[in-house]
Amino acid sequence: MFWKWIEGRQNTGYKKIKLFESKFLKMDIYIIKYNEGNFILKHKDTVDDKYNHHRLNLIMKKSLDGGIFKINNKQVFKRIIYFRPDI
């Protein structure tokens, strides 16, 4: 399998690689990379009405400065974060 960095969908500078996707399991796995000045805007993911959207983020390398991750306007300090991006 060939992995390639692609631009994130919000066009704010971050890059992502899709490592895995399964329509049957209804899941995917990405690596997301942020360079200095990159970010993801505050947003809510949309999903089909009959499904919930679950996400597990693993922070592999903490930033020395910045790198503030928030869920529902609260800063998160853990390295493993489970949340629902659809609510």
N, C-alpha and C. Protein backbone atom coordinates (compact mmCIF):
# COMPACT_ATOMS: atom_id res chain seq x y z
N MET A 1 0.84 -1.18 0.00
CA MET A 1 0.00 0.00 0.00
C MET A 1 0.89 1.24 0.00
N PHE A 2 0.55 2.22 -0.79
CA PHE A 2 1.31 3.45 -0.90
C PHE A 2 0.60 4.56 -0.13
N TRP A 3 1.30 5.12 0.85
CA TRP A 3 0.73 6.21 1.64
C TRP A 3 1.28 7.53 1.15
N LYS A 4 0.42 8.51 1.06
CA LYS A 4 0.82 9.81 0.56
C LYS A 4 0.19 10.90 1.41
N TRP A 5 1.00 11.90 1.80
CA TRP A 5 0.47 13.05 2.52
C TRP A 5 -0.43 13.85 1.59
N ILE A 6 -1.64 14.17 2.06
CA ILE A 6 -2.55 15.03 1.30
C ILE A 6 -2.99 16.19 2.19
N GLU A 7 -3.43 17.26 1.55
CA GLU A 7 -3.89 18.45 2.26
C GLU A 7 -5.16 18.13 3.03
N GLY A 8 -5.26 18.64 4.26
CA GLY A 8 -6.48 18.47 5.05
C GLY A 8 -7.65 19.19 4.41
N ARG A 9 -8.86 18.75 4.71
CA ARG A 9 -10.04 19.28 4.01
C ARG A 9 -10.38 20.72 4.36
N GLN A 10 -9.81 21.25 5.46
CA GLN A 10 -10.11 22.64 5.81
C GLN A 10 -9.13 23.63 5.17
N ASN A 11 -8.12 23.12 4.47
CA ASN A 11 -7.13 23.96 3.80
C ASN A 11 -6.48 24.97 4.74
N THR A 12 -6.09 24.49 5.95
CA THR A 12 -5.43 25.34 6.93
C THR A 12 -3.99 24.90 7.17
N GLY A 13 -3.46 24.12 6.23
CA GLY A 13 -2.05 23.78 6.26
C GLY A 13 -1.70 22.39 6.76
N TYR A 14 -2.58 21.76 7.55
CA TYR A 14 -2.23 20.43 8.06
C TYR A 14 -2.29 19.40 6.94
N LYS A 15 -1.56 18.32 7.13
CA LYS A 15 -1.52 17.22 6.16
C LYS A 15 -2.00 15.94 6.82
N LYS A 16 -2.46 15.00 6.01
CA LYS A 16 -2.93 13.72 6.56
C LYS A 16 -2.60 12.58 5.61
N ILE A 17 -2.45 11.40 6.21
CA ILE A 17 -2.26 10.15 5.46
C ILE A 17 -3.33 9.18 5.94
N LYS A 18 -4.07 8.60 5.01
CA LYS A 18 -5.04 7.58 5.39
C LYS A 18 -4.31 6.24 5.44
N LEU A 19 -4.27 5.64 6.64
CA LEU A 19 -3.60 4.36 6.82
C LEU A 19 -4.54 3.18 6.57
N PHE A 20 -5.83 3.38 6.87
CA PHE A 20 -6.78 2.27 6.80
C PHE A 20 -8.19 2.82 6.64
N GLU A 21 -9.02 2.11 5.86
CA GLU A 21 -10.43 2.43 5.75
C GLU A 21 -11.21 1.14 5.52
N SER A 22 -12.33 1.00 6.23
CA SER A 22 -13.20 -0.15 6.04
C SER A 22 -14.65 0.33 6.01
N LYS A 23 -15.31 0.13 4.89
CA LYS A 23 -16.74 0.46 4.80
C LYS A 23 -17.54 -0.52 5.68
N PHE A 24 -17.10 -1.77 5.72
CA PHE A 24 -17.78 -2.79 6.51
C PHE A 24 -17.73 -2.46 8.01
N LEU A 25 -16.55 -2.11 8.51
CA LEU A 25 -16.39 -1.76 9.92
C LEU A 25 -16.79 -0.32 10.22
N LYS A 26 -17.02 0.46 9.16
CA LYS A 26 -17.36 1.87 9.29
C LYS A 26 -16.31 2.62 10.10
N MET A 27 -15.04 2.46 9.70
CA MET A 27 -13.96 3.13 10.41
C MET A 27 -12.81 3.46 9.47
N ASP A 28 -12.00 4.41 9.89
CA ASP A 28 -10.78 4.73 9.17
C ASP A 28 -9.72 5.17 10.17
N ILE A 29 -8.47 5.18 9.71
CA ILE A 29 -7.34 5.57 10.55
C ILE A 29 -6.47 6.52 9.75
N TYR A 30 -6.18 7.67 10.34
CA TYR A 30 -5.34 8.68 9.72
C TYR A 30 -4.18 9.06 10.63
N ILE A 31 -3.09 9.50 10.03
CA ILE A 31 -2.05 10.24 10.73
C ILE A 31 -2.21 11.68 10.26
N ILE A 32 -2.26 12.60 11.22
CA ILE A 32 -2.38 14.02 10.88
C ILE A 32 -1.14 14.74 11.39
N LYS A 33 -0.57 15.57 10.53
CA LYS A 33 0.66 16.29 10.87
C LYS A 33 0.40 17.80 10.78
N TYR A 34 0.82 18.49 11.84
CA TYR A 34 0.72 19.94 11.89
C TYR A 34 2.12 20.53 11.95
N ASN A 35 2.43 21.41 11.05
CA ASN A 35 3.66 22.18 11.13
C ASN A 35 3.34 23.51 11.79
N GLU A 36 4.35 24.28 12.11
CA GLU A 36 4.14 25.57 12.75
C GLU A 36 3.15 26.40 11.94
N GLY A 37 2.14 26.92 12.63
CA GLY A 37 1.12 27.75 11.98
C GLY A 37 -0.07 26.99 11.44
N ASN A 38 -0.02 25.65 11.41
CA ASN A 38 -1.16 24.85 10.93
C ASN A 38 -2.19 24.69 12.04
N PHE A 39 -3.43 24.46 11.65
CA PHE A 39 -4.51 24.30 12.63
C PHE A 39 -5.72 23.67 11.97
N ILE A 40 -6.67 23.27 12.80
CA ILE A 40 -7.99 22.83 12.32
C ILE A 40 -9.00 23.75 12.97
N LEU A 41 -9.87 24.33 12.17
CA LEU A 41 -10.90 25.23 12.68
C LEU A 41 -11.91 24.49 13.56
N LYS A 42 -12.51 25.22 14.47
CA LYS A 42 -13.59 24.67 15.28
C LYS A 42 -14.68 24.19 14.33
N HIS A 43 -15.15 22.96 14.53
CA HIS A 43 -16.16 22.41 13.64
C HIS A 43 -16.87 21.22 14.30
N LYS A 44 -17.95 20.79 13.67
CA LYS A 44 -18.69 19.60 14.08
C LYS A 44 -18.82 18.72 12.84
N ASP A 45 -18.45 17.44 12.96
CA ASP A 45 -18.52 16.53 11.82
C ASP A 45 -19.97 16.12 11.58
N THR A 46 -20.35 16.05 10.32
CA THR A 46 -21.69 15.59 9.97
C THR A 46 -21.63 14.11 9.62
N VAL A 47 -22.67 13.39 10.02
CA VAL A 47 -22.76 11.96 9.75
C VAL A 47 -24.17 11.59 9.35
N ASP A 48 -24.32 10.42 8.76
CA ASP A 48 -25.63 9.87 8.43
C ASP A 48 -26.45 9.76 9.72
N ASP A 49 -27.72 10.09 9.67
CA ASP A 49 -28.59 10.11 10.86
C ASP A 49 -28.61 8.81 11.65
N LYS A 50 -28.40 7.68 10.99
CA LYS A 50 -28.50 6.40 11.70
C LYS A 50 -27.21 5.97 12.39
N TYR A 51 -26.13 6.78 12.27
CA TYR A 51 -24.85 6.42 12.87
C TYR A 51 -24.36 7.51 13.82
N ASN A 52 -23.54 7.11 14.76
CA ASN A 52 -22.80 8.05 15.60
C ASN A 52 -21.37 8.09 15.09
N HIS A 53 -20.69 9.18 15.37
CA HIS A 53 -19.31 9.34 14.94
C HIS A 53 -18.43 9.31 16.19
N HIS A 54 -17.54 8.36 16.25
CA HIS A 54 -16.63 8.22 17.39
C HIS A 54 -15.21 8.46 16.90
N ARG A 55 -14.40 9.10 17.74
CA ARG A 55 -13.02 9.39 17.34
C ARG A 55 -12.09 9.12 18.51
N LEU A 56 -10.92 8.58 18.17
CA LEU A 56 -9.85 8.36 19.14
C LEU A 56 -8.61 9.04 18.59
N ASN A 57 -8.15 10.07 19.29
CA ASN A 57 -6.93 10.78 18.88
C ASN A 57 -5.78 10.33 19.77
N LEU A 58 -4.66 10.05 19.17
CA LEU A 58 -3.43 9.72 19.89
C LEU A 58 -2.40 10.78 19.55
N ILE A 59 -1.92 11.49 20.55
CA ILE A 59 -0.90 12.50 20.31
C ILE A 59 0.45 11.81 20.40
N MET A 60 1.14 11.74 19.27
CA MET A 60 2.40 11.01 19.19
C MET A 60 3.58 11.87 19.62
N LYS A 61 3.50 13.17 19.35
CA LYS A 61 4.57 14.08 19.74
C LYS A 61 3.93 15.41 20.13
N LYS A 62 4.10 15.78 21.40
CA LYS A 62 3.54 17.05 21.87
C LYS A 62 4.36 18.20 21.33
N SER A 63 3.68 19.30 21.04
CA SER A 63 4.39 20.49 20.58
C SER A 63 5.02 21.21 21.76
N LEU A 64 6.10 21.91 21.50
CA LEU A 64 6.76 22.67 22.54
C LEU A 64 6.01 23.95 22.87
N ASP A 65 5.30 24.48 21.87
CA ASP A 65 4.56 25.72 22.05
C ASP A 65 3.29 25.61 21.21
N GLY A 66 2.20 26.14 21.72
CA GLY A 66 0.94 26.05 20.99
C GLY A 66 0.38 24.65 21.13
N GLY A 67 -0.19 24.13 20.06
CA GLY A 67 -0.72 22.77 20.08
C GLY A 67 -1.86 22.60 21.05
N ILE A 68 -2.74 23.57 21.15
CA ILE A 68 -3.85 23.50 22.09
C ILE A 68 -5.01 22.75 21.45
N PHE A 69 -5.39 21.62 22.06
CA PHE A 69 -6.50 20.81 21.57
C PHE A 69 -7.69 21.04 22.50
N LYS A 70 -8.84 21.42 21.90
CA LYS A 70 -10.03 21.71 22.70
C LYS A 70 -11.20 20.87 22.20
N ILE A 71 -12.00 20.41 23.16
CA ILE A 71 -13.28 19.76 22.87
C ILE A 71 -14.33 20.52 23.67
N ASN A 72 -15.38 20.98 23.00
CA ASN A 72 -16.43 21.77 23.66
C ASN A 72 -15.84 22.95 24.43
N ASN A 73 -14.88 23.63 23.80
CA ASN A 73 -14.22 24.82 24.35
C ASN A 73 -13.41 24.56 25.61
N LYS A 74 -13.10 23.30 25.92
CA LYS A 74 -12.26 22.96 27.08
C LYS A 74 -10.95 22.37 26.58
N GLN A 75 -9.84 22.87 27.11
CA GLN A 75 -8.53 22.38 26.71
C GLN A 75 -8.32 20.96 27.23
N VAL A 76 -7.76 20.11 26.39
CA VAL A 76 -7.51 18.70 26.71
C VAL A 76 -6.00 18.51 26.83
N PHE A 77 -5.56 17.88 27.92
CA PHE A 77 -4.13 17.71 28.17
C PHE A 77 -3.66 16.26 28.03
N LYS A 78 -4.58 15.33 27.84
CA LYS A 78 -4.22 13.91 27.74
C LYS A 78 -3.59 13.60 26.39
N ARG A 79 -2.87 12.50 26.31
CA ARG A 79 -2.27 12.07 25.03
C ARG A 79 -3.19 11.13 24.26
N ILE A 80 -4.14 10.50 24.95
CA ILE A 80 -5.13 9.63 24.30
C ILE A 80 -6.50 10.26 24.58
N ILE A 81 -7.22 10.61 23.52
CA ILE A 81 -8.46 11.36 23.66
C ILE A 81 -9.56 10.67 22.87
N TYR A 82 -10.62 10.26 23.57
CA TYR A 82 -11.81 9.71 22.91
C TYR A 82 -12.89 10.78 22.96
N PHE A 83 -13.54 11.01 21.84
CA PHE A 83 -14.64 11.98 21.82
C PHE A 83 -15.58 11.73 20.66
N ARG A 84 -16.69 12.42 20.67
CA ARG A 84 -17.70 12.34 19.61
C ARG A 84 -17.67 13.64 18.83
N PRO A 85 -17.06 13.67 17.65
CA PRO A 85 -16.99 14.92 16.88
C PRO A 85 -18.30 15.31 16.19
N ASP A 86 -19.33 14.46 16.33
CA ASP A 86 -20.61 14.75 15.70
C ASP A 86 -21.58 15.44 16.66
N ILE A 87 -21.16 15.66 17.92
CA ILE A 87 -22.05 16.35 18.87
C ILE A 87 -21.33 17.54 19.49
